[in-house]
Structure formats: structure tokens, C-alpha cells
Amino acid sequence: MLLEVCVEDIAGLNAAIAGGADRIELCSALAVGGLTPSAGLMAIAARAPIPAYAMIRPRAGSFVYSADELAVMKSDIDAARDAGLPGVVLGASLPDGRLDRNTLSALVAHAKDLGKTLHRAVDLVPDIEEAVELGVSLGFERILTSGCEKTAVEGLAVLEQAIAVAAGRISIMPGSGVNTRTIGKLWPRLAIDEIHASCSVAETETDEHLLAFGFSAQTVRRTDAATVKALKSHFA
């Protein structure tokens, strides 16, 4: 079982590696589901001993993108390539929740030489079978999904459906709410060979100045090496 850990800073990257993660999803702003990481973080992650895929998401909110935002995303793909990263994480939606074939096609073409993960924009679709088939046709390596629910455990039925539709043509990688308490409900029930988790712990910010100025939330989550190691041990 391959364990992918999402991180948002250099401390998280180091913790994930120390804990034994197999791949990194490199982001910023995990509190809103992950945004594009900085060029500096991409450059450092490219030198890591495990592969890191950069999230390509220019802002929080919906996955419906304008032409200007598409241009930004293409430039961010270039930044990931220039940094030496092996892959990117992409997604785009139509206003009705279906995947945006045209935007995704343009992004995939631009990232032609990179590995590609289709992200949780999939969890907003009305038809998971259609989404999986589109992911296959566009050449994605995998789909990160919680089965169209808030957590992967809640989305078990749709995850099973997606795996059946994929039929080995594309990897279905469960994510969201995956931890040592829930992994037994997902694996080995699901026919998967990779899984996605934050492996984070909650920390309380006690500096009143940071809180007063809005420079930090009161509770933040940090990637934790021991938590990565504990989850990884389930697959030994």
C-alpha cells in the first residue's frame, strides 16, 4: 500500500518523509482543501527522496475556472516542471458539478510530460461513472476521491462503484478522514493499492498577538511524523 501525505509547508514535508510516506501531495492552505504551493516549496520538495505532486489550484472555492485562471494554472504547471517535480494534481468543474472536459483537456495537454492526479473536484459530480471514464480518457494516473461524501468511510459505496468502473485502468485513491481509526473500514475491503491522508494533529496557537492580528487561526493542524508512521504500519 502506497501512502500519500498532503503537506502545506517545509515542516510538514520533513515530517511526512521522516514518518515513511511514499509520496507527497504538495499544497498550501490545506484548511481550504489545498492550493498551489510556492515556487520555493516546490524547489525544495523536488530534492526530497520521495516524489511530490504539486496541487494546481489558484484559489479557494469552486473548481469552475475562468480563462484568466486557466492561464494562471498553466503557469503553475510550468513552475512545477521547472522545479523538477514529477507530477501535478488537477481538477476543474462545470457549474452543474460535472467535470469540465475542455478545461481539463487543456491542463492535461499542458502537463503532458508530468504525472497527473485528478483531485476531489470529482466528489462534486452527479455521476461517478462518467467522471471515472473521463479520467481514464484524459490519461490521469489516479483519482483522489472520498466517494462523493465528506469522508471516505461515508463514501464507501461510491468508492466501490468507482473501483469497479475503473477496472484497473486508473487507480482510485481514497482520501479524506483516513487515519488509524478509520483505515480498517477502508482496507482491505476496498481493492486499492494507494491511499491519501493528512496525518496531522491539532495544535493550539497561544500567542495572543498573532490571534489578535489575524495572523493565525486559534487551532491549526500540523503534519506529524509519528502519525504518518502509525498509519503506514497498518500496511506492513
Protein backbone atom coordinates (compact mmCIF):
# COMPACT_ATOMS: atom_id res chain seq x y z
CA MET A 1 0.00 0.00 0.00
CA LEU A 2 1.37 3.38 -1.03
CA LEU A 3 0.69 6.19 1.44
CA GLU A 4 0.39 9.71 0.02
CA VAL A 5 0.51 12.51 2.58
CA CYS A 6 -0.67 16.04 1.85
CA VAL A 7 1.51 18.81 3.30
CA GLU A 8 1.47 22.60 3.17
CA ASP A 9 4.90 23.68 4.38
CA ILE A 10 8.51 22.59 4.76
CA ALA A 11 7.96 21.26 8.29
CA GLY A 12 5.12 19.10 7.00
CA LEU A 13 7.25 17.86 4.13
CA ASN A 14 10.03 16.86 6.51
CA ALA A 15 7.59 15.19 8.91
CA ALA A 16 5.95 13.17 6.15
CA ILE A 17 9.32 11.93 4.91
CA ALA A 18 10.50 11.12 8.43
CA GLY A 19 7.32 9.14 9.09
CA GLY A 20 7.74 6.98 5.99
CA ALA A 21 5.32 8.49 3.48
CA ASP A 22 5.68 7.14 -0.05
CA ARG A 23 4.52 10.23 -1.96
CA ILE A 24 3.70 13.85 -1.17
CA GLU A 25 0.78 15.97 -2.31
CA LEU A 26 2.37 19.41 -2.08
CA CYS A 27 -0.02 22.24 -1.27
CA SER A 28 -0.57 25.47 0.55
CA ALA A 29 -3.72 26.27 2.57
CA LEU A 30 -4.84 22.76 3.45
CA ALA A 31 -7.61 24.27 5.59
CA VAL A 32 -9.50 25.00 2.34
CA GLY A 33 -8.59 21.74 0.65
CA GLY A 34 -5.19 22.77 -0.67
CA LEU A 35 -3.99 25.48 -3.04
CA THR A 36 -0.92 25.77 -5.27
CA PRO A 37 2.31 25.71 -3.23
CA SER A 38 5.01 28.36 -3.56
CA ALA A 39 7.79 28.02 -6.11
CA GLY A 40 10.28 27.81 -3.24
CA LEU A 41 8.50 24.89 -1.61
CA MET A 42 8.26 23.14 -4.98
CA ALA A 43 12.01 23.52 -5.48
CA ILE A 44 12.82 22.02 -2.09
CA ALA A 45 10.29 19.19 -2.50
CA ALA A 46 11.86 18.29 -5.84
CA ARG A 47 15.03 17.37 -3.93
CA ALA A 48 13.18 15.10 -1.50
CA PRO A 49 13.84 11.33 -1.50
CA ILE A 50 10.20 10.61 -2.40
CA PRO A 51 8.08 12.00 -5.25
CA ALA A 52 5.94 15.09 -4.71
CA TYR A 53 2.99 16.13 -6.86
CA ALA A 54 2.05 19.83 -6.75
CA MET A 55 -1.54 20.89 -6.29
CA ILE A 56 -2.58 23.21 -9.13
CA ARG A 57 -5.47 25.22 -7.69
CA PRO A 58 -5.25 29.01 -7.90
CA ARG A 59 -7.82 29.93 -5.24
CA ALA A 60 -10.26 28.60 -2.68
CA GLY A 61 -13.88 27.97 -3.56
CA SER A 62 -15.36 26.29 -6.59
CA PHE A 63 -13.46 24.45 -9.29
CA VAL A 64 -15.12 26.49 -12.06
CA TYR A 65 -12.30 28.46 -13.66
CA SER A 66 -12.16 31.48 -15.96
CA ALA A 67 -9.82 31.82 -18.92
CA ASP A 68 -7.54 34.02 -16.80
CA GLU A 69 -7.43 31.40 -14.04
CA LEU A 70 -6.64 28.72 -16.61
CA ALA A 71 -3.66 30.80 -17.70
CA VAL A 72 -2.50 31.02 -14.09
CA MET A 73 -2.82 27.25 -13.71
CA LYS A 74 -0.77 26.63 -16.82
CA SER A 75 1.96 28.89 -15.45
CA ASP A 76 1.86 26.99 -12.16
CA ILE A 77 2.26 23.71 -14.06
CA ASP A 78 5.32 25.25 -15.71
CA ALA A 79 6.64 26.18 -12.26
CA ALA A 80 6.21 22.60 -11.05
CA ARG A 81 8.01 21.27 -14.12
CA ASP A 82 10.81 23.84 -13.83
CA ALA A 83 11.27 22.94 -10.17
CA GLY A 84 11.79 19.31 -11.15
CA LEU A 85 8.64 17.84 -9.64
CA PRO A 86 7.39 14.63 -11.27
CA GLY A 87 3.68 15.41 -11.26
CA VAL A 88 0.72 17.70 -10.62
CA VAL A 89 -2.75 17.44 -9.12
CA LEU A 90 -5.58 18.86 -11.25
CA GLY A 91 -9.33 19.31 -11.29
CA ALA A 92 -11.97 21.53 -12.91
CA SER A 93 -15.76 21.58 -12.82
CA LEU A 94 -18.71 22.88 -14.77
CA PRO A 95 -21.32 24.90 -12.86
CA ASP A 96 -23.53 21.80 -12.55
CA GLY A 97 -20.76 19.83 -10.85
CA ARG A 98 -19.73 17.66 -13.79
CA LEU A 99 -16.06 17.65 -14.66
CA ASP A 100 -15.06 20.31 -17.20
CA ARG A 101 -13.68 18.24 -20.08
CA ASN A 102 -12.40 21.24 -22.05
CA THR A 103 -10.51 22.83 -19.16
CA LEU A 104 -9.11 19.50 -18.01
CA SER A 105 -8.05 18.64 -21.55
CA ALA A 106 -6.16 21.93 -21.79
CA LEU A 107 -4.47 21.38 -18.42
CA VAL A 108 -3.56 17.77 -19.23
CA ALA A 109 -2.10 18.81 -22.57
CA HIS A 110 -0.01 21.47 -20.86
CA ALA A 111 1.21 18.93 -18.28
CA LYS A 112 1.81 16.27 -20.91
CA ASP A 113 5.22 15.19 -19.60
CA LEU A 114 4.19 15.12 -15.93
CA GLY A 115 2.31 12.58 -13.84
CA LYS A 116 -1.26 13.61 -13.18
CA THR A 117 -3.73 13.07 -10.31
CA LEU A 118 -7.39 14.07 -10.72
CA HIS A 119 -8.40 15.66 -7.42
CA ARG A 120 -11.55 15.86 -5.32
CA ALA A 121 -13.46 18.06 -7.74
CA VAL A 122 -14.65 14.54 -8.58
CA ASP A 123 -16.54 14.48 -5.29
CA LEU A 124 -18.97 17.10 -6.59
CA VAL A 125 -20.03 15.15 -9.69
CA PRO A 126 -23.57 13.81 -10.16
CA ASP A 127 -22.31 10.65 -11.94
CA ILE A 128 -19.15 8.94 -10.69
CA GLU A 129 -19.07 6.52 -13.64
CA GLU A 130 -18.92 9.41 -16.12
CA ALA A 131 -16.16 11.04 -14.06
CA VAL A 132 -14.04 7.90 -13.92
CA GLU A 133 -14.38 7.37 -17.66
CA LEU A 134 -13.30 10.96 -18.30
CA GLY A 135 -10.30 10.50 -16.02
CA VAL A 136 -9.31 7.39 -17.96
CA SER A 137 -9.77 9.03 -21.36
CA LEU A 138 -7.64 12.04 -20.39
CA GLY A 139 -4.77 9.88 -19.19
CA PHE A 140 -4.79 10.59 -15.45
CA GLU A 141 -2.84 8.11 -13.33
CA ARG A 142 -5.26 8.21 -10.42
CA ILE A 143 -8.37 9.80 -8.96
CA LEU A 144 -8.30 11.14 -5.41
CA THR A 145 -11.82 10.84 -4.03
CA SER A 146 -13.84 10.44 -0.87
CA GLY A 147 -16.64 8.74 -2.78
CA CYS A 148 -18.65 11.96 -3.16
CA GLU A 149 -19.08 12.27 0.62
CA LYS A 150 -17.26 14.33 3.24
CA THR A 151 -15.13 11.35 4.25
CA ALA A 152 -14.01 8.18 2.51
CA VAL A 153 -15.71 5.99 5.11
CA GLU A 154 -19.04 7.70 4.38
CA GLY A 155 -18.40 7.29 0.64
CA LEU A 156 -17.57 3.57 0.71
CA ALA A 157 -20.37 2.55 -1.66
CA VAL A 158 -19.39 5.11 -4.31
CA LEU A 159 -15.70 4.23 -3.87
CA GLU A 160 -16.55 0.61 -4.59
CA GLN A 161 -18.52 1.71 -7.64
CA ALA A 162 -15.61 3.84 -8.88
CA ILE A 163 -13.16 0.97 -8.42
CA ALA A 164 -15.45 -1.36 -10.37
CA VAL A 165 -15.81 1.14 -13.22
CA ALA A 166 -12.07 1.81 -13.26
CA ALA A 167 -11.40 -1.91 -13.71
CA GLY A 168 -7.67 -1.40 -13.28
CA ARG A 169 -7.43 1.29 -15.97
CA ILE A 170 -6.88 4.07 -13.41
CA SER A 171 -6.10 3.98 -9.70
CA ILE A 172 -8.83 5.03 -7.28
CA MET A 173 -7.13 6.58 -4.24
CA PRO A 174 -9.41 7.15 -1.23
CA GLY A 175 -8.82 10.28 0.82
CA SER A 176 -10.49 12.44 3.50
CA GLY A 177 -10.86 11.27 7.06
CA VAL A 178 -8.31 8.50 6.56
CA ASN A 179 -6.48 7.74 9.80
CA THR A 180 -5.54 4.88 12.11
CA ARG A 181 -9.11 4.73 13.48
CA THR A 182 -10.80 4.50 10.08
CA ILE A 183 -8.34 2.62 7.89
CA GLY A 184 -9.78 -0.75 8.93
CA LYS A 185 -13.12 0.22 7.39
CA LEU A 186 -11.49 1.00 4.05
CA TRP A 187 -8.77 -1.60 3.66
CA PRO A 188 -8.68 -4.45 2.83
CA ARG A 189 -12.37 -4.11 1.94
CA LEU A 190 -11.50 -1.82 -0.99
CA ALA A 191 -9.37 -3.15 -3.84
CA ILE A 192 -6.83 -0.33 -3.68
CA ASP A 193 -3.06 -0.01 -3.67
CA GLU A 194 -2.68 3.62 -2.59
CA ILE A 195 -4.35 5.87 -0.07
CA HIS A 196 -4.24 9.58 0.84
CA ALA A 197 -4.15 11.16 4.30
CA SER A 198 -3.09 14.33 6.07
CA CYS A 199 -1.60 12.51 9.08
CA SER A 200 -1.97 15.76 11.00
CA VAL A 201 -2.52 16.67 14.63
CA ALA A 202 -4.25 19.73 16.05
CA GLU A 203 -2.20 22.42 17.76
CA THR A 204 -3.49 25.46 19.65
CA GLU A 205 -1.96 28.85 18.96
CA THR A 206 -1.38 30.64 22.27
CA ASP A 207 0.27 33.85 21.04
CA GLU A 208 -2.44 36.46 21.61
CA HIS A 209 -0.76 38.94 19.27
CA LEU A 210 -0.85 36.53 16.34
CA LEU A 211 -4.50 35.79 17.05
CA ALA A 212 -5.46 39.45 17.53
CA PHE A 213 -3.88 40.49 14.24
CA GLY A 214 -5.41 37.55 12.38
CA PHE A 215 -2.02 36.07 11.53
CA SER A 216 -3.06 32.63 12.79
CA ALA A 217 -6.16 30.61 13.48
CA GLN A 218 -6.65 29.53 17.09
CA THR A 219 -6.36 25.88 16.11
CA VAL A 220 -4.03 24.73 13.36
CA ARG A 221 -3.17 21.29 12.05
CA ARG A 222 0.39 20.10 11.54
CA THR A 223 1.71 17.05 9.70
CA ASP A 224 3.01 14.65 12.34
CA ALA A 225 5.76 12.10 11.68
CA ALA A 226 4.54 9.69 14.35
CA THR A 227 1.05 9.75 12.86
CA VAL A 228 2.44 9.02 9.40
CA LYS A 229 4.43 6.11 10.82
CA ALA A 230 1.42 4.75 12.71
CA LEU A 231 -0.78 4.76 9.61
CA LYS A 232 1.97 3.29 7.46
CA SER A 233 2.43 0.45 9.97
CA HIS A 234 -1.09 -0.83 9.18
CA PHE A 235 0.16 -1.92 5.75
CA ALA A 236 3.31 -3.70 6.90
